[in-house]
Protein backbone atom coordinates (compact mmCIF):
# COMPACT_ATOMS: atom_id res chain seq x y z
CA UNK A 1 21.64 14.77 -5.34
CA UNK A 2 24.72 15.93 -7.04
CA UNK A 3 24.80 17.65 -10.42
CA UNK A 4 25.78 14.34 -12.23
CA UNK A 5 22.61 12.67 -10.92
CA UNK A 6 20.21 15.34 -12.38
CA UNK A 7 19.78 13.88 -15.72
CA UNK A 8 19.27 10.35 -14.32
CA UNK A 9 16.63 11.56 -11.78
CA UNK A 10 14.94 13.89 -14.30
CA UNK A 11 14.39 10.84 -16.55
CA UNK A 12 12.07 9.16 -14.02
CA UNK A 13 8.66 10.75 -13.22
CA UNK A 14 6.15 10.01 -10.71
CA UNK A 15 2.99 8.51 -12.46
CA UNK A 16 0.88 8.01 -9.54
CA UNK A 17 0.91 6.58 -5.99
CA UNK A 18 0.29 2.95 -4.73
CA UNK A 19 -1.26 2.76 -1.39
CA UNK A 20 -2.11 -0.55 0.45
CA UNK A 21 -3.00 -2.01 3.84
CA UNK A 22 -1.24 -5.25 5.01
CA UNK A 23 -1.26 -7.36 8.06
CA UNK A 24 1.55 -9.75 8.80
CA UNK A 25 1.88 -12.29 11.42
CA UNK A 26 5.33 -14.08 11.71
CA UNK A 27 3.78 -16.16 14.58
CA UNK A 28 1.07 -17.39 12.10
CA UNK A 29 3.48 -17.47 9.15
CA UNK A 30 0.98 -15.46 7.03
CA UNK A 31 0.60 -11.96 5.35
CA UNK A 32 -2.69 -10.75 4.18
CA UNK A 33 -3.33 -7.94 1.61
CA UNK A 34 -6.29 -6.13 3.09
CA UNK A 35 -6.85 -3.49 0.43
CA UNK A 36 -4.90 -1.51 -2.31
CA UNK A 37 -5.62 1.72 -4.13
CA UNK A 38 -3.99 3.33 -7.08
CA UNK A 39 -4.13 7.26 -6.91
CA UNK A 40 -3.12 9.60 -9.63
CA UNK A 41 -1.96 12.29 -7.04
CA UNK A 42 -0.40 12.29 -3.53
CA UNK A 43 -3.33 13.66 -1.87
CA UNK A 44 -5.63 10.97 -3.21
CA UNK A 45 -3.20 8.34 -1.80
CA UNK A 46 -3.02 9.98 1.64
CA UNK A 47 -6.79 10.26 1.97
CA UNK A 48 -7.22 6.59 1.02
CA UNK A 49 -4.55 5.52 3.73
CA UNK A 50 -6.16 7.71 6.42
CA UNK A 51 -9.44 6.27 5.60
CA UNK A 52 -7.91 2.76 5.80
CA UNK A 53 -6.39 3.64 9.19
CA UNK A 54 -9.77 4.56 10.50
CA UNK A 55 -11.28 1.52 9.11
CA UNK A 56 -8.56 -0.75 10.79
CA UNK A 57 -9.03 1.22 14.09
CA UNK A 58 -12.79 0.59 14.00
CA UNK A 59 -12.36 -3.03 13.02
CA UNK A 60 -9.76 -3.72 15.88
CA UNK A 61 -12.05 -2.25 18.34
CA UNK A 62 -12.21 0.56 20.86
CA UNK A 63 -9.88 -1.13 23.51
CA UNK A 64 -7.08 -2.21 21.24
CA UNK A 65 -3.93 -0.37 21.51
CA UNK A 66 -3.16 -1.02 17.77
CA UNK A 67 -6.51 0.56 16.91
CA UNK A 68 -5.65 3.69 18.91
CA UNK A 69 -2.32 4.26 17.02
CA UNK A 70 -4.44 4.37 13.65
CA UNK A 71 -7.04 6.63 15.28
CA UNK A 72 -4.57 9.18 16.69
CA UNK A 73 -2.49 9.12 13.46
CA UNK A 74 -5.72 9.82 11.38
CA UNK A 75 -6.63 12.75 13.78
CA UNK A 76 -3.11 14.35 13.63
CA UNK A 77 -3.61 16.81 10.76
CA UNK A 78 -0.15 18.34 11.22
CA UNK A 79 1.55 15.00 10.83
CA UNK A 80 -0.69 14.24 7.85
CA UNK A 81 0.63 17.45 6.21
CA UNK A 82 4.27 16.25 6.84
CA UNK A 83 3.42 12.90 5.17
CA UNK A 84 1.78 14.72 2.17
CA UNK A 85 5.03 16.59 1.72
CA UNK A 86 7.04 13.50 1.82
CA UNK A 87 4.94 11.90 -0.87
CA UNK A 88 5.06 15.04 -3.02
CA UNK A 89 8.95 14.95 -2.60
CA UNK A 90 8.95 11.41 -3.87
CA UNK A 91 9.30 9.52 -0.64
CA UNK A 92 7.22 6.67 0.83
CA UNK A 93 5.06 7.13 3.86
CA UNK A 94 3.44 4.64 6.38
CA UNK A 95 1.94 4.12 9.67
CA UNK A 96 2.64 0.83 11.33
CA UNK A 97 1.72 -0.84 14.76
CA UNK A 98 1.45 -4.31 16.35
CA UNK A 99 -0.88 -5.96 18.59
CA UNK A 100 -2.22 -9.26 19.51
CA UNK A 101 -5.13 -10.91 17.58
CA UNK A 102 -6.47 -14.30 16.94
CA UNK A 103 -6.15 -16.33 13.93
CA UNK A 104 -8.69 -18.90 12.97
CA UNK A 105 -8.01 -21.58 10.54
CA UNK A 106 -10.68 -21.99 7.69
CA UNK A 107 -12.65 -25.09 8.03
CA UNK A 108 -11.50 -25.60 11.66
CA UNK A 109 -14.55 -26.82 13.50
CA UNK A 110 -14.72 -28.07 16.98
CA UNK A 111 -17.61 -28.31 19.70
CA UNK A 112 -15.15 -27.62 22.48
CA UNK A 113 -15.73 -24.39 24.33
CA UNK A 114 -13.65 -21.68 22.93
CA UNK A 115 -12.45 -23.66 20.03
CA UNK A 116 -13.69 -21.10 17.45
CA UNK A 117 -11.65 -18.43 18.98
CA UNK A 118 -8.30 -19.33 17.32
CA UNK A 119 -4.95 -18.99 18.63
CA UNK A 120 -3.40 -15.71 19.95
CA UNK A 121 -0.66 -14.28 17.70
CA UNK A 122 1.33 -11.05 17.14
CA UNK A 123 0.01 -9.20 14.05
CA UNK A 124 1.86 -6.27 12.39
CA UNK A 125 -0.45 -3.76 10.76
CA UNK A 126 0.78 -1.45 7.90
CA UNK A 127 -0.87 1.20 5.97
CA UNK A 128 1.30 2.87 3.53
CA UNK A 129 1.69 4.87 0.26
CA UNK A 130 4.51 5.15 -2.27
CA UNK A 131 5.17 6.97 -5.36
CA UNK A 132 5.43 4.87 -8.67
CA UNK A 133 7.93 6.19 -11.03
CA UNK A 134 8.44 5.45 -14.75
CA UNK A 135 11.18 6.30 -16.93
CA UNK A 136 10.10 9.22 -19.24
CA UNK A 137 10.90 7.04 -22.27
CA UNK A 138 8.28 4.54 -21.16
CA UNK A 139 5.66 7.13 -21.25
CA UNK A 140 6.26 7.95 -24.92
CA UNK A 141 3.97 6.38 -27.57
CA UNK A 142 5.92 4.86 -30.45
CA UNK A 143 5.96 6.83 -33.78
CA UNK A 144 3.41 5.47 -36.38
CA UNK A 145 6.06 4.02 -38.49
CA UNK A 146 7.60 2.03 -35.58
CA UNK A 147 7.15 -1.73 -35.86
CA UNK A 148 5.28 -1.80 -32.42
CA UNK A 149 2.81 0.70 -33.54
CA UNK A 150 1.78 -1.32 -36.49
CA UNK A 151 0.74 -4.15 -34.53
CA UNK A 152 1.86 -7.79 -34.26
CA UNK A 153 3.34 -9.29 -37.42
CA UNK A 154 1.39 -12.05 -38.81
CA UNK A 155 2.82 -14.99 -40.96
CA UNK A 156 1.16 -15.40 -44.27
CA UNK A 157 -1.28 -18.28 -44.35
CA UNK A 158 0.20 -21.36 -46.13
């Protein structure tokens, strides 16, 4: 950042952190929002994504390579400290992996053996957190005499 950028950067403040868990499958043509969390601080966001990583690791099963990525990441306290520092510095963090999964269409029923197992697809899993910035002026309440503070104007009844 240059000195000329300092006033612009100072005008934007981190108001909190958005964390989310997403699964995407280009093969299946879908994206699934598995969870989201608003945290007022970086530590809360990192704690939430760590718990989500452990939850995904458990849900995917002990023999799934994608699950082991999440479990190993959640156990790496040194790297979690690096990610906490990144969040505090205003940068987003994530852990991403991919693996095979089965997608079952809703309402698809068949009596054929294996019909309820769905089709095999590649799934991309992502657990991430990012700072949410707002301009300092957006955080100010309007002065009492400001028209917005007075409430909506009403037309006189005719």
